[in-house]
Amino acid sequence: MDARSPELTSESLPIPGAPGWRADAAGARASLPEVNRTIAIPTGGHWMRRLLAFAGPGYLVSVGYMDPGNWATDLAGGSKFGYTLLSVILLSNLMAILLQALSARLGIVTDRDLAQACRATYSRPVNFLLWLACEAAIIACDLAEVIGTAIALQLLFGIPLIGGALLAALDAFLLLLLMNRGFRFLEAFVIALLIVIAVCFSIQIAAAAPPVAAMLRGFVPSAEIFTNPEMLYIAIGIIGATVMPHNLYLHSSIVQTRAYERTEEGRRDAIKWATADSTIALMLALVINAAILVVAAATFHTSGHADVAEIGQAFELLSPLLGLGIASTLFAIALLASGLNSTVTATLAGQIVMEGFLDLRLPSWARRLVTRGIAIVPVIVVTALYGERGTAQLLVFSQVVLSMQLPFAVIPLVRFVSDKRKMGNFAISRSVAAAAWIVAGIIVILNVKLLFDTMVG
């Protein structure tokens, strides 16, 4: 059943003519209209059928929490400090679970993604500035994924970084193909690559045989994280690289692909299942991020290689240190899967942001080629001028740009879902709002510190 309804009207909103939105925003088009409300939801049967019907968007979102930009911080944390920073990965993941749940709530309740909600609230100049900031973040995120994919292709097949970056552009056509087949095909592709990543790291962890007691102690916060400046810096990097601003725009849009009833009861049910979907998916992201750090700790830290922080170094040392010939290959395969997944979801987020903020509709192929081109050109130029070391510095720079944009996504999101004029009975409680503002404050403060330390030191 195709239950899509591309045109939104004031009657489709939970509160017709709600004063929280601008009067001229009622006739906005649906987010991602080509797939909006296209996935049927069963009305009866076992609860598992409903969970499976809603399963998918959370896994697309989880990709951003294990992208190549996270690998460097996890590798550095594990090789330098063993299992100690596992607690930071756990904390950052709990923050992400809360923010993504709020993002899904916004999309389900208002029939708007975060970009559309901003356009329906703020003035045109403010929206234009928010769009510029968000586009910069998406390009930076795309840049990290292109670099990660290019490095993986070089490690696996010996393809030069420039050639790998050019090959990474082909994923624009891959996304177009998957979207034309239906949104479920895109979700299945992403989940399949996530399974590949999980299998690769499961084999490596089995080979590394880390001590279980030490791992469990790592999930308990240590005072040393705050007293050791170097450890604190990496901890901030882990948190800063975890919550990606484009994920908040992406999630608020793709939850609307489900054809749930646009009634109060239907929306409440959809919030429950969408939150369960994203929570389960983000727990998988927690496991994979923790696995990267555990492999680094068990392999590099215990053998005295505390300076391993780059992906290439890890690839060269894994097999000899683990005594497993396929270990390095599995590492590179997981990196390639991560890069492909991340570029697909970042490109989709780019479409959502452009259409949401500007109400500008480009053909799908044009939007994706433009996004890929903007990300690939800097990689090619830097690689040609400075070689592999330059791409490593470019990867760090991309994370700094992401950190700068994060407050412009988190603060509007928390404001919107806390506002009863916009959300009606679905506005979050004061206790949840307080927790959300605390999380937003921590993320903003840590990202500002990360930016300052990067610029100064």
Protein backbone atom coordinates (compact mmCIF):
# COMPACT_ATOMS: atom_id res chain seq x y z
CA MET A 1 0.00 0.00 0.00
CA ASP A 2 1.32 3.44 -0.90
CA ALA A 3 0.05 5.71 1.82
CA ARG A 4 2.14 8.75 0.97
CA SER A 5 0.67 12.20 1.13
CA PRO A 6 3.26 14.66 -0.22
CA GLU A 7 1.32 17.83 0.59
CA LEU A 8 0.99 18.88 4.21
CA THR A 9 -1.88 21.07 5.29
CA SER A 10 -2.69 22.70 8.58
CA GLU A 11 -5.26 19.93 9.15
CA SER A 12 -2.50 17.29 9.00
CA LEU A 13 -0.73 18.82 11.98
CA PRO A 14 -1.50 17.72 15.55
CA ILE A 15 -2.73 21.21 16.38
CA PRO A 16 -4.40 22.89 13.37
CA GLY A 17 -3.13 26.42 13.02
CA ALA A 18 -0.87 26.03 16.06
CA PRO A 19 0.46 29.48 17.08
CA GLY A 20 3.95 28.06 17.51
CA TRP A 21 4.51 27.97 13.74
CA ARG A 22 4.56 30.82 11.24
CA ALA A 23 1.21 31.26 9.49
CA ASP A 24 2.79 30.91 6.04
CA ALA A 25 4.30 27.51 6.90
CA ALA A 26 1.10 25.45 6.83
CA GLY A 27 1.30 24.50 3.16
CA ALA A 28 4.82 23.09 3.22
CA ARG A 29 5.56 19.96 1.22
CA ALA A 30 6.33 16.68 2.92
CA SER A 31 9.88 15.81 3.83
CA LEU A 32 11.40 13.46 1.23
CA PRO A 33 8.07 13.32 -0.64
CA GLU A 34 9.24 10.49 -2.91
CA VAL A 35 9.26 8.09 0.05
CA ASN A 36 7.01 9.84 2.60
CA ARG A 37 4.40 7.43 4.08
CA THR A 38 5.33 4.64 1.67
CA ILE A 39 5.95 1.86 4.23
CA ALA A 40 2.78 0.27 5.54
CA ILE A 41 2.34 -0.39 9.26
CA PRO A 42 0.35 -3.48 10.37
CA THR A 43 -2.68 -2.63 12.48
CA GLY A 44 -2.82 -5.91 14.38
CA GLY A 45 -0.87 -9.05 15.13
CA HIS A 46 2.13 -9.63 17.34
CA TRP A 47 4.05 -6.62 18.68
CA MET A 48 7.16 -7.86 16.88
CA ARG A 49 5.49 -7.15 13.51
CA ARG A 50 5.06 -3.50 14.46
CA LEU A 51 8.62 -3.21 15.74
CA LEU A 52 9.95 -4.70 12.49
CA ALA A 53 7.78 -2.34 10.45
CA PHE A 54 9.32 0.65 12.23
CA ALA A 55 12.84 -0.83 12.23
CA GLY A 56 15.19 0.85 9.75
CA PRO A 57 15.49 4.62 10.31
CA GLY A 58 17.41 4.04 13.55
CA TYR A 59 20.03 2.00 11.71
CA LEU A 60 20.50 4.70 9.08
CA VAL A 61 21.04 7.16 11.91
CA SER A 62 23.41 4.83 13.79
CA VAL A 63 25.78 4.91 10.81
CA GLY A 64 26.82 8.44 11.75
CA TYR A 65 27.91 7.24 15.18
CA MET A 66 30.47 4.77 13.82
CA ASP A 67 31.74 6.62 10.74
CA PRO A 68 35.46 6.98 9.87
CA GLY A 69 35.59 10.22 11.85
CA ASN A 70 35.05 8.20 15.04
CA TRP A 71 37.72 5.62 14.30
CA ALA A 72 40.71 7.89 14.96
CA THR A 73 39.49 8.94 18.42
CA ASP A 74 38.62 5.34 19.37
CA LEU A 75 41.99 4.06 18.14
CA ALA A 76 43.88 6.79 19.99
CA GLY A 77 41.91 6.26 23.19
CA GLY A 78 42.44 2.49 23.21
CA SER A 79 46.12 2.51 22.29
CA LYS A 80 47.07 5.26 24.78
CA PHE A 81 44.86 4.51 27.76
CA GLY A 82 43.62 0.95 27.40
CA TYR A 83 39.99 0.41 28.37
CA THR A 84 39.57 3.53 30.53
CA LEU A 85 37.67 5.59 27.94
CA LEU A 86 34.97 2.96 27.39
CA SER A 87 32.96 4.94 29.95
CA VAL A 88 33.14 8.01 27.69
CA ILE A 89 31.86 6.00 24.72
CA LEU A 90 28.96 4.78 26.88
CA LEU A 91 28.15 8.32 28.09
CA SER A 92 28.23 9.81 24.59
CA ASN A 93 26.00 7.03 23.31
CA LEU A 94 23.41 7.66 26.04
CA MET A 95 23.40 11.33 25.03
CA ALA A 96 22.87 10.33 21.42
CA ILE A 97 19.96 8.02 22.32
CA LEU A 98 18.13 10.91 24.01
CA LEU A 99 18.72 13.41 21.20
CA GLN A 100 17.72 10.98 18.46
CA ALA A 101 14.54 10.09 20.35
CA LEU A 102 13.68 13.81 20.45
CA SER A 103 14.43 14.12 16.74
CA ALA A 104 12.07 11.24 15.91
CA ARG A 105 9.38 12.79 18.14
CA LEU A 106 9.62 16.11 16.30
CA GLY A 107 9.17 14.49 12.89
CA ILE A 108 6.31 12.22 13.94
CA VAL A 109 4.33 14.87 15.82
CA THR A 110 4.71 17.83 13.46
CA ASP A 111 5.07 16.13 10.04
CA ARG A 112 8.15 18.30 9.62
CA ASP A 113 11.84 17.49 9.68
CA LEU A 114 14.16 19.66 11.77
CA ALA A 115 15.09 21.86 8.81
CA GLN A 116 11.44 22.46 7.93
CA ALA A 117 10.68 23.21 11.59
CA CYS A 118 13.42 25.85 11.59
CA ARG A 119 12.02 27.37 8.37
CA ALA A 120 8.55 27.45 9.96
CA THR A 121 9.88 29.24 13.05
CA TYR A 122 12.75 31.59 12.24
CA SER A 123 13.07 34.52 9.86
CA ARG A 124 14.52 34.08 6.37
CA PRO A 125 17.94 35.58 7.20
CA VAL A 126 18.28 33.32 10.25
CA ASN A 127 17.22 30.28 8.23
CA PHE A 128 19.71 31.11 5.51
CA LEU A 129 22.54 31.32 8.05
CA LEU A 130 21.42 28.05 9.66
CA TRP A 131 21.37 26.42 6.23
CA LEU A 132 24.90 27.64 5.45
CA ALA A 133 26.17 26.29 8.78
CA CYS A 134 24.44 22.97 8.25
CA GLU A 135 25.72 22.63 4.68
CA ALA A 136 29.25 23.25 5.96
CA ALA A 137 28.78 20.48 8.53
CA ILE A 138 27.42 18.02 5.96
CA ILE A 139 30.29 18.76 3.59
CA ALA A 140 32.74 18.25 6.47
CA CYS A 141 31.05 14.98 7.39
CA ASP A 142 31.06 13.92 3.74
CA LEU A 143 34.73 14.81 3.60
CA ALA A 144 35.53 12.42 6.46
CA GLU A 145 33.59 9.63 4.79
CA VAL A 146 35.30 10.15 1.43
CA ILE A 147 38.71 10.07 3.11
CA GLY A 148 37.76 6.93 5.05
CA THR A 149 36.53 5.18 1.90
CA ALA A 150 39.63 6.21 -0.04
CA ILE A 151 41.94 4.95 2.73
CA ALA A 152 40.06 1.61 2.85
CA LEU A 153 40.37 1.18 -0.93
CA GLN A 154 44.08 1.96 -0.70
CA LEU A 155 44.62 -0.55 2.12
CA LEU A 156 42.64 -3.31 0.41
CA PHE A 157 43.52 -2.86 -3.25
CA GLY A 158 46.47 -0.46 -3.36
CA ILE A 159 44.41 2.21 -5.13
CA PRO A 160 45.97 5.70 -4.71
CA LEU A 161 44.02 8.02 -2.46
CA ILE A 162 43.06 10.29 -5.35
CA GLY A 163 41.65 7.34 -7.29
CA GLY A 164 39.84 6.10 -4.20
CA ALA A 165 38.25 9.50 -3.68
CA LEU A 166 37.02 9.50 -7.28
CA LEU A 167 35.58 6.01 -6.86
CA ALA A 168 33.79 7.20 -3.72
CA ALA A 169 31.74 9.51 -5.96
CA LEU A 170 29.97 6.47 -7.39
CA ASP A 171 27.96 6.07 -4.20
CA ALA A 172 25.81 8.98 -5.42
CA PHE A 173 24.50 6.67 -8.12
CA LEU A 174 24.21 3.82 -5.61
CA LEU A 175 21.93 5.94 -3.41
CA LEU A 176 19.83 6.93 -6.42
CA LEU A 177 19.45 3.27 -7.41
CA LEU A 178 18.46 2.19 -3.91
CA MET A 179 15.95 5.02 -3.47
CA ASN A 180 14.35 4.18 -6.81
CA ARG A 181 13.84 0.60 -5.61
CA GLY A 182 12.14 1.81 -2.43
CA PHE A 183 13.24 3.02 0.97
CA ARG A 184 13.27 -0.50 2.36
CA PHE A 185 16.03 -1.42 -0.11
CA LEU A 186 18.15 1.46 1.20
CA GLU A 187 17.56 0.35 4.79
CA ALA A 188 18.43 -3.27 3.93
CA PHE A 189 21.68 -2.15 2.25
CA VAL A 190 22.73 -0.12 5.29
CA ILE A 191 21.85 -2.89 7.76
CA ALA A 192 23.78 -5.45 5.67
CA LEU A 193 26.93 -3.29 5.84
CA LEU A 194 26.44 -2.81 9.58
CA ILE A 195 26.39 -6.60 9.94
CA VAL A 196 29.66 -6.78 7.96
CA ILE A 197 31.28 -4.28 10.34
CA ALA A 198 30.02 -6.16 13.40
CA VAL A 199 31.28 -9.53 12.10
CA CYS A 200 34.71 -8.11 11.26
CA PHE A 201 35.22 -6.71 14.75
CA SER A 202 33.78 -9.80 16.43
CA ILE A 203 36.52 -11.90 14.81
CA GLN A 204 39.21 -9.39 15.81
CA ILE A 205 38.01 -9.25 19.42
CA ALA A 206 37.97 -13.05 19.58
CA ALA A 207 41.57 -13.06 18.33
CA ALA A 208 42.64 -10.32 20.75
CA ALA A 209 40.98 -12.10 23.72
CA PRO A 210 40.75 -8.98 25.94
CA PRO A 211 40.34 -9.58 29.70
CA VAL A 212 36.65 -9.32 30.51
CA ALA A 213 37.21 -7.81 33.97
CA ALA A 214 39.34 -4.99 32.55
CA MET A 215 36.73 -4.28 29.89
CA LEU A 216 33.93 -4.07 32.44
CA ARG A 217 36.00 -1.73 34.64
CA GLY A 218 36.45 0.50 31.60
CA PHE A 219 32.72 1.25 31.55
CA VAL A 220 32.96 2.73 35.07
CA PRO A 221 33.96 6.44 34.93
CA SER A 222 37.44 7.17 36.26
CA ALA A 223 38.59 10.39 37.94
CA GLU A 224 41.77 10.15 35.86
CA ILE A 225 39.77 11.22 32.80
CA PHE A 226 39.45 14.69 34.33
CA THR A 227 42.89 14.92 35.94
CA ASN A 228 44.92 13.75 32.93
CA PRO A 229 44.86 16.53 30.29
CA GLU A 230 45.79 14.21 27.41
CA MET A 231 43.10 11.72 28.37
CA LEU A 232 40.56 14.51 28.76
CA TYR A 233 41.40 15.79 25.29
CA ILE A 234 40.76 12.40 23.69
CA ALA A 235 37.59 11.98 25.77
CA ILE A 236 36.30 15.30 24.45
CA GLY A 237 37.20 14.15 20.95
CA ILE A 238 35.18 10.95 21.39
CA ILE A 239 32.10 12.88 22.52
CA GLY A 240 32.61 15.56 19.89
CA ALA A 241 32.86 12.99 17.10
CA THR A 242 29.87 10.96 18.29
CA VAL A 243 26.82 13.24 18.02
CA MET A 244 26.57 14.31 14.39
CA PRO A 245 24.34 17.32 13.59
CA HIS A 246 23.16 15.93 10.25
CA ASN A 247 21.72 12.89 12.05
CA LEU A 248 19.16 15.07 13.81
CA TYR A 249 17.89 16.39 10.47
CA LEU A 250 18.02 12.92 8.91
CA HIS A 251 16.10 11.11 11.65
CA SER A 252 13.30 13.67 11.88
CA SER A 253 12.68 13.11 8.17
CA ILE A 254 13.01 9.38 7.60
CA VAL A 255 10.71 8.39 10.48
CA GLN A 256 7.95 9.88 8.32
CA THR A 257 8.43 7.13 5.72
CA ARG A 258 6.13 5.00 7.89
CA ALA A 259 2.40 5.18 7.13
CA TYR A 260 1.26 5.39 10.75
CA GLU A 261 -2.09 6.97 11.50
CA ARG A 262 -1.78 10.75 11.64
CA THR A 263 -3.94 10.89 14.77
CA GLU A 264 -2.96 11.47 18.40
CA GLU A 265 -3.10 7.75 19.16
CA GLY A 266 -1.26 6.85 15.95
CA ARG A 267 1.51 9.37 16.58
CA ARG A 268 1.93 8.24 20.18
CA ASP A 269 2.29 4.64 19.02
CA ALA A 270 4.74 5.68 16.30
CA ILE A 271 6.90 7.58 18.83
CA LYS A 272 7.10 4.46 21.00
CA TRP A 273 8.24 2.16 18.18
CA ALA A 274 10.53 4.71 16.51
CA THR A 275 12.27 5.36 19.84
CA ALA A 276 12.70 1.60 20.36
CA ASP A 277 14.15 1.30 16.85
CA SER A 278 16.71 4.09 17.32
CA THR A 279 17.66 2.92 20.83
CA ILE A 280 18.37 -0.64 19.66
CA ALA A 281 20.31 0.63 16.63
CA LEU A 282 22.39 3.03 18.72
CA MET A 283 23.23 0.25 21.15
CA LEU A 284 24.73 -1.55 18.14
CA ALA A 285 26.73 1.62 17.44
CA LEU A 286 27.90 1.55 21.07
CA VAL A 287 29.07 -2.06 20.66
CA ILE A 288 31.00 -1.28 17.46
CA ASN A 289 32.62 1.89 18.82
CA ALA A 290 33.56 0.03 21.97
CA ALA A 291 34.92 -2.82 19.83
CA ILE A 292 37.26 -0.44 17.98
CA LEU A 293 38.63 0.85 21.28
CA VAL A 294 38.85 -2.67 22.78
CA VAL A 295 40.78 -4.01 19.77
CA ALA A 296 43.15 -1.03 20.02
CA ALA A 297 43.60 -1.53 23.76
CA ALA A 298 44.09 -5.29 23.62
CA THR A 299 46.40 -5.15 20.60
CA PHE A 300 48.38 -1.90 20.82
CA HIS A 301 48.23 -0.71 24.43
CA THR A 302 49.24 -4.04 25.95
CA SER A 303 52.12 -4.47 23.47
CA GLY A 304 53.62 -1.02 24.10
CA HIS A 305 52.36 0.63 20.89
CA ALA A 306 50.67 3.53 22.65
CA ASP A 307 51.23 5.97 19.79
CA VAL A 308 48.88 4.29 17.28
CA ALA A 309 46.28 6.90 16.33
CA GLU A 310 46.02 6.69 12.55
CA ILE A 311 44.06 4.16 10.53
CA GLY A 312 47.06 3.22 8.37
CA GLN A 313 49.21 2.43 11.41
CA ALA A 314 46.50 0.21 12.86
CA PHE A 315 46.16 -1.68 9.58
CA GLU A 316 49.90 -2.40 9.40
CA LEU A 317 50.22 -3.60 13.02
CA LEU A 318 47.01 -5.57 13.60
CA SER A 319 47.91 -8.84 11.85
CA PRO A 320 51.47 -9.13 13.25
CA LEU A 321 50.44 -8.30 16.81
CA LEU A 322 47.32 -10.46 16.85
CA GLY A 323 48.97 -13.34 15.01
CA LEU A 324 45.94 -13.49 12.70
CA GLY A 325 46.79 -12.95 9.05
CA ILE A 326 43.32 -11.79 8.10
CA ALA A 327 42.97 -9.27 10.96
CA SER A 328 44.24 -6.26 8.99
CA THR A 329 42.07 -7.17 6.01
CA LEU A 330 38.98 -7.43 8.22
CA PHE A 331 39.83 -4.02 9.68
CA ALA A 332 39.99 -2.47 6.20
CA ILE A 333 36.78 -4.20 5.08
CA ALA A 334 34.98 -2.79 8.11
CA LEU A 335 36.36 0.66 7.31
CA LEU A 336 35.15 0.40 3.71
CA ALA A 337 31.68 -0.66 4.86
CA SER A 338 31.63 2.22 7.33
CA GLY A 339 32.70 4.72 4.68
CA LEU A 340 30.11 3.54 2.15
CA ASN A 341 27.33 3.59 4.72
CA SER A 342 28.26 7.03 5.99
CA THR A 343 28.48 8.65 2.57
CA VAL A 344 25.06 7.29 1.60
CA THR A 345 23.34 8.64 4.73
CA ALA A 346 25.22 11.98 4.67
CA THR A 347 24.20 12.57 1.06
CA LEU A 348 20.57 11.84 1.93
CA ALA A 349 20.82 14.27 4.85
CA GLY A 350 22.12 16.89 2.43
CA GLN A 351 18.98 16.59 0.35
CA ILE A 352 16.78 16.91 3.45
CA VAL A 353 18.60 20.01 4.65
CA MET A 354 18.52 21.83 1.29
CA GLU A 355 14.86 21.08 0.71
CA GLY A 356 13.88 21.80 4.30
CA PHE A 357 15.61 25.13 4.78
CA LEU A 358 15.24 26.55 1.27
CA ASP A 359 12.25 24.61 -0.10
CA LEU A 360 14.55 24.15 -3.08
CA ARG A 361 13.95 21.01 -5.12
CA LEU A 362 16.80 19.75 -7.29
CA PRO A 363 16.69 16.47 -9.19
CA SER A 364 17.99 13.69 -6.92
CA TRP A 365 20.95 12.91 -9.16
CA ALA A 366 21.96 16.59 -9.38
CA ARG A 367 21.82 17.16 -5.63
CA ARG A 368 23.91 14.07 -4.91
CA LEU A 369 26.52 14.80 -7.56
CA VAL A 370 26.94 18.35 -6.26
CA THR A 371 27.36 17.07 -2.69
CA ARG A 372 29.89 14.45 -3.72
CA GLY A 373 31.83 16.90 -5.87
CA ILE A 374 32.16 19.43 -3.07
CA ALA A 375 33.56 16.76 -0.75
CA ILE A 376 35.85 15.08 -3.25
CA VAL A 377 37.60 18.16 -4.66
CA PRO A 378 39.32 19.14 -1.36
CA VAL A 379 40.49 15.53 -0.84
CA ILE A 380 42.04 15.42 -4.31
CA VAL A 381 43.71 18.83 -3.94
CA VAL A 382 45.14 18.13 -0.46
CA THR A 383 46.30 14.63 -1.46
CA ALA A 384 48.02 15.96 -4.56
CA LEU A 385 49.79 18.73 -2.60
CA TYR A 386 50.59 17.10 0.74
CA GLY A 387 50.09 13.34 0.34
CA GLU A 388 48.60 11.02 2.94
CA ARG A 389 49.62 13.21 5.88
CA GLY A 390 47.53 16.03 4.44
CA THR A 391 44.42 13.85 4.31
CA ALA A 392 44.89 12.94 7.99
CA GLN A 393 44.97 16.66 8.87
CA LEU A 394 41.93 17.22 6.65
CA LEU A 395 40.10 14.50 8.59
CA VAL A 396 40.79 16.35 11.86
CA PHE A 397 39.68 19.65 10.32
CA SER A 398 36.39 18.09 9.20
CA GLN A 399 35.63 17.07 12.80
CA VAL A 400 36.32 20.63 13.99
CA VAL A 401 33.82 22.01 11.46
CA LEU A 402 31.25 19.48 12.67
CA SER A 403 31.83 20.61 16.25
CA MET A 404 31.21 24.23 15.29
CA GLN A 405 27.81 23.44 13.74
CA LEU A 406 26.45 21.09 16.40
CA PRO A 407 24.86 23.78 18.66
CA PHE A 408 22.86 25.10 15.68
CA ALA A 409 21.10 21.74 15.42
CA VAL A 410 20.84 20.64 19.05
CA ILE A 411 19.50 23.88 20.55
CA PRO A 412 16.60 24.36 18.06
CA LEU A 413 15.66 20.69 18.44
CA VAL A 414 15.40 20.88 22.23
CA ARG A 415 13.51 24.18 22.00
CA PHE A 416 10.95 22.79 19.57
CA VAL A 417 10.14 19.57 21.44
CA SER A 418 9.85 21.49 24.73
CA ASP A 419 7.36 24.01 23.29
CA LYS A 420 3.71 23.10 23.96
CA ARG A 421 2.56 25.58 21.32
CA LYS A 422 4.37 23.52 18.69
CA MET A 423 4.00 20.03 20.14
CA GLY A 424 0.71 20.17 22.02
CA ASN A 425 0.26 17.15 24.28
CA PHE A 426 3.45 15.64 22.83
CA ALA A 427 5.76 18.27 24.34
CA ILE A 428 8.37 16.60 26.52
CA SER A 429 8.07 16.81 30.31
CA ARG A 430 10.09 19.25 32.38
CA SER A 431 12.36 16.49 33.65
CA VAL A 432 13.11 15.24 30.13
CA ALA A 433 13.58 18.82 28.96
CA ALA A 434 16.03 19.45 31.81
CA ALA A 435 17.99 16.32 30.88
CA ALA A 436 17.98 17.38 27.21
CA TRP A 437 19.26 20.87 28.03
CA ILE A 438 21.99 19.38 30.25
CA VAL A 439 23.05 17.07 27.42
CA ALA A 440 22.95 19.95 24.94
CA GLY A 441 25.03 22.10 27.32
CA ILE A 442 27.63 19.37 27.85
CA ILE A 443 27.95 18.74 24.12
CA VAL A 444 28.23 22.43 23.29
CA ILE A 445 30.81 23.13 26.04
CA LEU A 446 32.94 20.10 25.15
CA ASN A 447 32.82 20.89 21.46
CA VAL A 448 33.81 24.50 22.06
CA LYS A 449 36.73 23.27 24.17
CA LEU A 450 37.71 20.78 21.47
CA LEU A 451 37.60 23.56 18.89
CA PHE A 452 39.66 25.89 21.09
CA ASP A 453 42.29 23.24 21.86
CA THR A 454 42.53 22.29 18.19
CA MET A 455 42.96 25.89 17.06
CA VAL A 456 45.46 26.77 19.80
CA GLY A 457 47.42 23.55 20.08
